[in-house]
Every structure is written in C-alpha cells, then in structure tokens.
C-alpha atoms as a PDB file:
ATOM      1  CA  MET A   1       5.512-111.112  44.929  1.00  0.00           C
ATOM      2  CA  ALA A   2       9.108-112.122  44.719  1.00  0.00           C
ATOM      3  CA  GLY A   3       8.928-111.151  40.775  1.00  0.00           C
ATOM      4  CA  VAL A   4       7.706-107.662  41.667  1.00  0.00           C
ATOM      5  CA  VAL A   5      10.652-107.004  44.041  1.00  0.00           C
ATOM      6  CA  GLN A   6      13.116-108.436  41.741  1.00  0.00           C
ATOM      7  CA  PHE A   7      11.831-106.088  38.990  1.00  0.00           C
ATOM      8  CA  PHE A   8      12.327-102.988  41.060  1.00  0.00           C
ATOM      9  CA  LYS A   9      15.637-103.973  42.133  1.00  0.00           C
ATOM     10  CA  GLU A  10      16.686-104.483  38.540  1.00  0.00           C
ATOM     11  CA  SER A  11      15.170-101.421  37.390  1.00  0.00           C
ATOM     12  CA  TYR A  12      16.884 -99.431  40.189  1.00  0.00           C
ATOM     13  CA  GLU A  13      20.122-101.060  39.298  1.00  0.00           C
ATOM     14  CA  GLU A  14      19.755-100.200  35.569  1.00  0.00           C
ATOM     15  CA  MET A  15      18.823 -96.608  36.304  1.00  0.00           C
ATOM     16  CA  THR A  16      21.699 -95.956  38.487  1.00  0.00           C
ATOM     17  CA  ASP A  17      24.403 -97.975  37.068  1.00  0.00           C
ATOM     18  CA  LYS A  18      23.590 -98.570  33.179  1.00  0.00           C
ATOM     19  CA  VAL A  19      21.911 -95.552  32.190  1.00  0.00           C
ATOM     20  CA  THR A  20      24.161 -92.590  30.847  1.00  0.00           C
ATOM     21  CA  TRP A  21      22.597 -89.536  32.227  1.00  0.00           C
ATOM     22  CA  PRO A  22      23.291 -86.087  30.371  1.00  0.00           C
ATOM     23  CA  SER A  23      25.364 -83.533  32.300  1.00  0.00           C
ATOM     24  CA  ARG A  24      23.995 -80.312  33.553  1.00  0.00           C
ATOM     25  CA  GLY A  25      25.343 -78.427  30.438  1.00  0.00           C
ATOM     26  CA  GLN A  26      23.873 -80.747  28.064  1.00  0.00           C
ATOM     27  CA  LEU A  27      20.325 -80.477  29.629  1.00  0.00           C
ATOM     28  CA  GLN A  28      20.744 -76.628  29.596  1.00  0.00           C
ATOM     29  CA  ASN A  29      21.772 -76.788  25.693  1.00  0.00           C
ATOM     30  CA  SER A  30      19.031 -79.033  24.952  1.00  0.00           C
ATOM     31  CA  ALA A  31      16.489 -76.863  26.899  1.00  0.00           C
ATOM     32  CA  VAL A  32      17.548 -73.708  25.113  1.00  0.00           C
ATOM     33  CA  LEU A  33      17.298 -75.559  21.651  1.00  0.00           C
ATOM     34  CA  VAL A  34      13.789 -76.642  22.437  1.00  0.00           C
ATOM     35  CA  LEU A  35      12.837 -73.111  23.560  1.00  0.00           C
ATOM     36  CA  VAL A  36      14.321 -71.588  20.318  1.00  0.00           C
ATOM     37  CA  ALA A  37      12.594 -74.238  17.928  1.00  0.00           C
ATOM     38  CA  SER A  38       9.332 -73.690  19.757  1.00  0.00           C
ATOM     39  CA  LEU A  39       9.401 -69.924  19.417  1.00  0.00           C
ATOM     40  CA  ILE A  40      10.276 -70.281  15.629  1.00  0.00           C
ATOM     41  CA  ILE A  41       7.500 -72.754  15.062  1.00  0.00           C
ATOM     42  CA  ALA A  42       5.088 -70.498  17.053  1.00  0.00           C
ATOM     43  CA  LEU A  43       6.239 -67.333  14.698  1.00  0.00           C
ATOM     44  CA  VAL A  44       5.737 -69.427  11.521  1.00  0.00           C
ATOM     45  CA  VAL A  45       2.217 -70.533  12.744  1.00  0.00           C
ATOM     46  CA  PHE A  46       1.470 -66.861  13.591  1.00  0.00           C
ATOM     47  CA  GLY A  47       2.436 -65.686  10.343  1.00  0.00           C
ATOM     48  CA  MET A  48       0.475 -68.417   8.409  1.00  0.00           C
ATOM     49  CA  ASP A  49      -2.608 -67.398  10.409  1.00  0.00           C
ATOM     50  CA  LYS A  50      -2.261 -63.713   9.720  1.00  0.00           C
ATOM     51  CA  ALA A  51      -1.565 -64.433   5.928  1.00  0.00           C
ATOM     52  CA  ALA A  52      -4.745 -66.470   5.932  1.00  0.00           C
ATOM     53  CA  THR A  53      -6.800 -63.942   7.835  1.00  0.00           C
ATOM     54  CA  TYR A  54      -5.642 -61.291   5.445  1.00  0.00           C
ATOM     55  CA  ILE A  55      -6.444 -63.418   2.377  1.00  0.00           C
ATOM     56  CA  LEU A  56      -9.775 -64.400   3.531  1.00  0.00           C
ATOM     57  CA  GLU A  57     -10.571 -60.767   4.455  1.00  0.00           C
ATOM     58  CA  LEU A  58      -9.712 -59.576   1.008  1.00  0.00           C
ATOM     59  CA  PHE A  59     -11.829 -62.350  -0.502  1.00  0.00           C
ATOM     60  CA  TYR A  60     -14.842 -61.716   1.647  1.00  0.00           C
ATOM     61  CA  LYS A  61     -14.783 -57.825   1.095  1.00  0.00           C
ATOM     62  CA  SER A  62     -14.808 -58.364  -2.732  1.00  0.00           C
ATOM     63  CA  LEU A  63     -17.949 -60.269  -2.475  1.00  0.00           C
END
C-alpha cells in the first residue's frame, strides 16, 4: 500500500512541478489549427467522395 501512496505523491509532484504546461494562448492556437486542419481534411474527403460518385454514375449509365 505504501508503494501506491508513494506513486501518487510522485505523480502529483511531477504533474505540478516538472511538467511544462502550455499557456492559454498556445492552447487556443493549437485548437484553431486542429479545427482548420479538420475542416480541410473533411473538404478533401467530401470532394473525393463526390468525384467517385460522379465517375461511378457515368460508368453505370454507360452500361
């Protein structure tokens, strides 16, 4: 049991004293970057889906 308590004490100390946490501004910038990248990827996948649908419709209409 003492090992578990020691583990939690050391974990708490590391999280509060040794970890470098990002600032609020850095978190906001990262969040915006993730949002923009997600939107771009979603648009690319949407475009690929529409193009594949169009090509397959042309193919099946020609049969």
